[in-house]
Amino acid sequence: MSMTPPYPDPAATPVPSPCVSVCRMNARTGFCEGCFRTIEEIARWTALSDAERRAVWRAIAVRRADFDVERVPQAGRPAVP
């Protein structure tokens, strides 16, 4: 079950925050385990324009997809917990 909210409607204004109140930074990835943002993206969120917020959402989608691929076990490699 994905905890990251779906990508917001591109026409939505204001652009919603991706925060899901699971605020833990992953030392290995540098991303929040709940919303897949960097600490800088989290800190700057309120100052970002809607276009910049949409760019963060696009980055989150890529990060989430990469994370999901990492979790799939490869031959000889355990799944990431």
Protein backbone atom coordinates (compact mmCIF):
# COMPACT_ATOMS: atom_id res chain seq x y z
CA MET A 1 0.00 0.00 0.00
CA SER A 2 1.51 3.31 -1.06
CA MET A 3 1.57 6.02 1.57
CA THR A 4 2.43 8.71 -0.94
CA PRO A 5 -0.67 10.57 -2.09
CA PRO A 6 -1.45 10.43 -5.81
CA TYR A 7 -0.02 13.15 -8.01
CA PRO A 8 -2.29 16.20 -7.71
CA ASP A 9 -4.46 17.53 -10.50
CA PRO A 10 -2.09 19.63 -12.67
CA ALA A 11 -4.63 22.45 -12.65
CA ALA A 12 -5.03 22.39 -8.87
CA THR A 13 -4.23 25.65 -7.15
CA PRO A 14 -2.95 25.69 -4.57
CA VAL A 15 -0.88 22.55 -5.10
CA PRO A 16 -1.38 20.26 -2.08
CA SER A 17 1.47 19.22 0.17
CA PRO A 18 2.68 15.64 -0.28
CA CYS A 19 3.12 15.31 3.51
CA VAL A 20 1.44 12.21 4.99
CA SER A 21 2.60 12.86 8.59
CA VAL A 22 5.22 10.09 8.50
CA CYS A 23 8.19 12.36 9.04
CA ARG A 24 11.40 10.31 9.11
CA MET A 25 14.44 11.07 7.00
CA ASN A 26 16.08 8.01 5.49
CA ALA A 27 19.85 8.34 5.93
CA ARG A 28 20.56 6.11 2.91
CA THR A 29 18.32 7.92 0.41
CA GLY A 30 18.14 11.41 1.93
CA PHE A 31 14.35 11.36 1.43
CA CYS A 32 11.52 11.51 3.92
CA GLU A 33 10.12 7.99 4.30
CA GLY A 34 6.57 9.34 4.19
CA CYS A 35 6.54 11.81 1.30
CA PHE A 36 9.86 11.16 -0.54
CA ARG A 37 10.92 14.82 -0.34
CA THR A 38 14.39 16.04 0.57
CA ILE A 39 14.82 18.08 3.74
CA GLU A 40 15.38 21.16 1.56
CA GLU A 41 12.11 20.56 -0.35
CA ILE A 42 10.26 20.15 2.95
CA ALA A 43 11.78 23.30 4.44
CA ARG A 44 11.10 25.43 1.34
CA TRP A 45 7.60 24.08 0.54
CA THR A 46 5.67 27.13 1.76
CA ALA A 47 7.91 29.47 -0.26
CA LEU A 48 7.70 27.49 -3.53
CA SER A 49 5.54 28.64 -6.42
CA ASP A 50 2.85 26.28 -7.74
CA ALA A 51 5.13 25.45 -10.69
CA GLU A 52 7.98 24.58 -8.32
CA ARG A 53 5.62 22.48 -6.17
CA ARG A 54 4.51 20.56 -9.25
CA ALA A 55 8.17 19.94 -10.08
CA VAL A 56 8.64 18.48 -6.58
CA TRP A 57 5.61 16.22 -7.15
CA ARG A 58 7.15 15.00 -10.42
CA ALA A 59 10.43 14.29 -8.63
CA ILE A 60 8.51 12.38 -5.94
CA ALA A 61 6.87 10.20 -8.60
CA VAL A 62 10.30 9.28 -10.02
CA ARG A 63 11.75 8.62 -6.56
CA ARG A 64 8.78 6.49 -5.58
CA ALA A 65 9.04 4.44 -8.79
CA ASP A 66 12.78 3.95 -8.21
CA PHE A 67 12.11 2.91 -4.60
CA ASP A 68 9.45 0.40 -5.67
CA VAL A 69 11.89 -1.13 -8.18
CA GLU A 70 14.54 -1.40 -5.43
CA ARG A 71 12.14 -3.33 -3.22
CA VAL A 72 11.61 -6.07 -5.81
CA PRO A 73 14.00 -8.92 -4.99
CA GLN A 74 16.68 -9.60 -7.59
CA ALA A 75 18.34 -12.99 -8.00
CA GLY A 76 20.71 -13.41 -5.06
CA ARG A 77 19.66 -10.14 -3.46
CA PRO A 78 17.12 -9.81 -0.63
CA ALA A 79 14.26 -7.34 -0.89
CA VAL A 80 14.78 -4.02 0.87
CA PRO A 81 12.65 -4.03 4.03
